[in-house]
Protein backbone atom coordinates (compact mmCIF):
# COMPACT_ATOMS: atom_id res chain seq x y z
CA MET A 1 60.39 93.36 69.29
CA HIS A 2 60.21 95.45 72.23
CA LYS A 3 60.70 99.24 71.58
CA LEU A 4 63.80 100.38 74.03
CA ILE A 5 62.21 103.02 75.76
CA PRO A 6 64.87 106.04 76.22
CA LEU A 7 65.39 107.65 79.47
CA LEU A 8 64.68 110.95 80.19
CA ALA A 9 67.53 112.93 82.00
CA LEU A 10 67.60 115.86 84.68
CA TYR A 11 70.81 117.32 85.34
CA SER A 12 70.43 118.74 88.56
CA PHE A 13 72.28 117.22 91.17
CA GLY A 14 73.65 114.92 88.82
CA THR A 15 70.17 113.29 88.87
CA VAL A 16 68.40 111.07 86.31
CA LEU A 17 64.47 109.84 85.68
CA GLY A 18 64.29 106.58 84.24
CA GLN A 19 62.57 103.57 83.17
CA THR A 20 64.00 99.89 82.96
CA VAL A 21 63.52 97.92 80.23
CA ALA A 22 63.03 95.16 80.65
CA THR A 23 60.75 96.10 84.11
CA ARG A 24 58.54 98.84 82.41
CA SER A 25 59.21 100.64 85.81
CA PRO A 26 60.42 104.08 86.55
CA PHE A 27 62.78 105.12 88.86
CA ILE A 28 65.21 107.96 89.74
CA ARG A 29 69.12 108.08 89.83
CA SER A 30 70.51 109.83 92.47
CA ILE A 31 74.06 110.04 93.80
CA GLY A 32 74.93 111.24 97.63
CA GLU A 33 78.04 111.86 99.01
CA GLY A 34 79.71 111.24 102.48
CA THR A 35 82.89 113.06 104.16
CA VAL A 36 83.84 111.52 107.37
CA ALA A 37 86.76 113.86 109.09
CA ILE A 38 88.63 112.26 111.60
CA SER A 39 92.13 111.98 113.62
CA PRO A 40 95.00 109.64 112.44
CA ASP A 41 96.72 106.89 114.63
CA GLN A 42 100.07 106.88 112.69
CA ALA A 43 102.41 108.65 111.07
CA LYS A 44 104.74 108.17 108.51
CA VAL A 45 108.40 109.65 108.65
CA ASP A 46 111.21 109.58 105.94
CA ILE A 47 114.81 110.48 107.17
CA SER A 48 117.58 110.09 105.57
CA VAL A 49 121.36 110.27 105.54
CA THR A 50 123.24 111.26 102.03
CA THR A 51 127.22 111.68 102.05
CA GLN A 52 129.81 112.57 100.19
CA ALA A 53 132.92 111.57 99.33
CA ALA A 54 136.18 111.07 96.45
CA THR A 55 135.89 107.60 95.68
CA ALA A 56 132.24 105.63 95.67
CA ASP A 57 134.03 102.92 98.73
CA THR A 58 134.31 105.81 100.80
CA ALA A 59 130.97 107.69 100.32
CA ALA A 60 128.92 103.93 100.49
CA SER A 61 130.77 103.38 104.05
CA GLN A 62 130.55 106.42 105.58
CA ASN A 63 126.73 106.90 104.72
CA ALA A 64 126.91 103.20 106.47
CA THR A 65 128.19 103.83 109.53
CA GLN A 66 125.92 107.46 109.58
CA THR A 67 123.05 105.51 108.66
CA GLN A 68 123.74 103.22 111.01
CA ALA A 69 124.27 105.46 113.79
CA VAL A 70 120.12 106.73 113.22
CA ILE A 71 119.33 103.59 113.32
CA ASP A 72 120.47 102.65 116.52
CA LYS A 73 119.32 105.61 117.88
CA LEU A 74 115.94 105.43 116.80
CA ASN A 75 115.91 101.75 118.19
CA GLN A 76 117.08 103.04 121.44
CA LEU A 77 113.95 105.99 121.88
CA LEU A 78 111.29 103.40 120.22
CA GLY A 79 112.33 100.49 121.90
CA ALA A 80 112.42 96.63 120.38
CA ASN A 81 109.41 96.87 117.98
CA ALA A 82 110.80 99.68 116.06
CA ASP A 83 109.53 99.84 112.65
CA ILE A 84 111.84 100.91 110.90
CA LYS A 85 112.21 100.27 106.89
CA THR A 86 114.92 101.18 104.28
CA ILE A 87 113.00 102.33 101.65
CA ASN A 88 115.63 103.99 99.47
CA TYR A 89 118.94 103.50 98.30
CA SER A 90 121.33 105.21 96.08
CA LEU A 91 125.19 105.67 94.97
CA SER A 92 125.96 107.76 92.17
CA PRO A 93 128.45 110.04 90.52
CA ASN A 94 128.73 113.49 91.42
CA TYR A 95 129.98 115.46 88.62
CA ASN A 96 130.93 119.21 88.35
CA TYR A 97 129.92 121.04 84.77
CA PRO A 98 131.68 124.07 84.17
CA PRO A 99 130.72 125.97 81.03
CA ASN A 100 130.67 125.18 77.93
CA GLY A 101 133.58 122.24 79.79
CA THR A 102 133.24 118.31 80.25
CA PRO A 103 131.88 117.39 83.12
CA ILE A 104 134.19 116.46 85.50
CA LEU A 105 133.61 113.54 88.14
CA ILE A 106 134.54 115.53 91.53
CA GLY A 107 133.17 112.14 93.46
CA PHE A 108 130.05 110.42 94.97
CA ILE A 109 127.14 110.99 96.84
CA ALA A 110 125.75 108.05 98.58
CA ASN A 111 121.66 107.89 100.58
CA ASN A 112 120.24 105.63 102.58
CA THR A 113 116.84 106.62 103.16
CA VAL A 114 114.47 104.58 105.96
CA GLU A 115 110.37 105.01 106.70
CA VAL A 116 109.74 105.55 110.40
CA THR A 117 106.49 104.50 111.18
CA THR A 118 104.89 104.72 115.26
CA ALA A 119 101.56 105.17 116.59
CA ASN A 120 102.46 107.59 118.91
CA LEU A 121 101.96 110.45 117.45
CA SER A 122 102.83 112.92 120.31
CA GLY A 123 106.56 111.90 119.74
CA VAL A 124 107.14 111.93 116.42
CA GLY A 125 108.79 115.54 117.12
CA LYS A 126 111.27 113.87 119.60
CA ILE A 127 111.77 111.00 116.28
CA ILE A 128 113.26 113.69 113.80
CA ASP A 129 115.44 115.57 116.67
CA THR A 130 116.92 112.33 117.75
CA ALA A 131 117.62 110.99 113.84
CA VAL A 132 119.53 114.37 113.23
CA GLN A 133 121.52 114.64 117.13
CA ALA A 134 122.95 111.20 115.42
CA GLY A 135 123.97 112.00 112.24
CA ALA A 136 120.45 112.25 109.85
CA ASN A 137 120.79 115.41 107.06
CA GLY A 138 117.41 114.82 105.61
CA VAL A 139 113.93 114.46 106.84
CA SER A 140 111.99 114.29 103.45
CA SER A 141 108.13 114.09 104.28
CA LEU A 142 105.76 113.26 107.31
CA ARG A 143 102.59 111.54 106.84
CA PHE A 144 99.70 110.76 109.11
CA GLY A 145 97.28 108.21 108.59
CA LEU A 146 95.09 105.36 109.58
CA GLN A 147 96.23 101.77 110.73
CA ASN A 148 92.93 100.28 110.35
CA ASP A 149 90.29 103.13 107.62
CA GLN A 150 87.44 100.60 107.46
CA PRO A 151 85.44 101.79 109.99
CA ALA A 152 85.65 105.38 108.28
CA ARG A 153 85.24 104.25 105.08
CA GLN A 154 82.28 102.29 106.29
CA GLN A 155 80.37 105.66 107.81
CA ALA A 156 81.20 107.75 104.89
CA LEU A 157 79.42 105.67 102.65
CA ARG A 158 76.39 105.10 105.32
CA LEU A 159 76.23 109.31 104.83
CA ALA A 160 76.78 108.70 101.27
CA SER A 161 73.48 106.29 101.26
CA ILE A 162 71.69 108.59 103.13
CA GLN A 163 72.36 111.97 101.54
CA ALA A 164 71.43 110.22 97.89
CA LYS A 165 68.03 108.39 99.25
CA ALA A 166 67.22 112.25 100.79
CA LYS A 167 68.15 113.70 97.17
CA ALA A 168 65.68 111.22 95.66
CA ASP A 169 62.78 111.87 97.91
CA ALA A 170 63.37 115.33 97.37
CA ILE A 171 62.67 115.19 93.46
CA ALA A 172 59.88 113.06 94.17
CA LEU A 173 58.52 115.24 95.87
CA GLY A 174 58.91 117.83 92.99
CA LEU A 175 57.45 115.74 90.17
CA GLY A 176 53.90 114.59 92.41
CA VAL A 177 55.19 111.35 93.13
CA HIS A 178 57.06 109.10 95.88
CA THR A 179 60.02 106.62 96.27
CA GLY A 180 59.56 102.96 96.33
CA THR A 181 62.09 100.50 96.78
CA VAL A 182 65.74 100.92 96.27
CA LEU A 183 66.01 98.82 92.96
CA ALA A 184 69.79 99.53 92.84
CA ALA A 185 72.72 100.34 95.14
CA GLN A 186 76.63 100.83 93.46
CA GLU A 187 79.57 102.36 95.00
CA GLY A 188 81.62 104.77 93.78
CA VAL A 189 85.07 106.05 94.51
CA VAL A 190 85.85 106.13 98.82
CA SER A 191 89.53 107.95 99.30
CA VAL A 192 91.16 108.91 101.81
CA GLN A 193 92.76 112.07 101.72
CA PRO A 194 95.78 112.09 104.47
CA VAL A 195 97.46 114.46 106.14
CA GLY A 196 100.75 115.59 104.21
CA PRO A 197 102.70 114.95 102.90
CA GLN A 198 104.18 117.52 105.04
CA ALA A 199 107.77 118.79 104.27
CA VAL A 200 109.93 119.47 107.36
CA GLY A 201 113.63 120.21 107.73
CA THR A 202 116.39 119.50 109.59
CA ALA A 203 115.73 120.55 113.54
CA ALA A 204 117.22 122.29 116.15
CA ALA A 205 115.56 122.00 119.82
CA THR A 206 112.03 120.03 120.25
CA THR A 207 110.02 119.69 116.82
CA PRO A 208 106.55 121.12 117.02
CA VAL A 209 104.69 118.61 114.82
CA GLN A 210 100.78 119.11 114.38
CA PRO A 211 99.03 115.91 112.91
CA GLY A 212 95.21 117.95 112.13
CA ASN A 213 92.28 115.94 110.37
CA LEU A 214 92.21 112.93 107.90
CA THR A 215 88.60 113.06 105.46
CA ILE A 216 87.22 110.06 103.58
CA VAL A 217 85.05 110.68 101.12
CA ALA A 218 82.84 107.87 99.53
CA ASP A 219 80.08 108.42 97.18
CA VAL A 220 77.10 106.15 96.29
CA THR A 221 74.78 105.94 93.22
CA LEU A 222 71.03 104.74 94.34
CA ASP A 223 68.52 103.76 91.66
CA VAL A 224 64.98 104.54 93.57
CA ALA A 225 61.27 103.03 92.74
CA ILE A 226 58.72 105.63 91.57
CA THR A 227 55.31 105.29 92.36
CA GLN A 228 51.99 106.91 92.27
């Protein structure tokens, strides 16, 4: 029966010096992180219309008229290929709560929220202004992102791999040994940290919007063979 050889952990830099059971080949395990900052090429903004009335039917009807006016103006601004979709609709009773009394129904509230997506980042402020001028009374969030984040993700993974290998080499140098081939590589978490959501209020004049940068972070774990 083969006797298992325990791993010797080196806790600095999250690295493990070990020996595989199957091949008895010593290795260094190291973790690298890669970070890429990139300008976004897409924006999403949530625009809502909220109406109140004494009856549910009236609240819903007023909301439908007002929301349609907003959508019509946005379509005029963005053209036939405008990317506008409904993401929330609600119709609920509105109560008054007197102190130590029974709640009193005073009407109904209707809300319709649409998400507008655009690749024209310089036009985001104009989208907000147009919607508000057409009857929108809520702009809940503004988010920037990428239409295709795969190239940036791959770049972050490459940087993480380079850092992991460099850390393994540095540890080997400190131990008086050399690194050999990479025995195993494992992708960790790849995350895109977006700009936003950013709260924006109902606007007057031209709303200034600054996209900023996105941050893509990846980590890679390498098992690198040790040679004498």
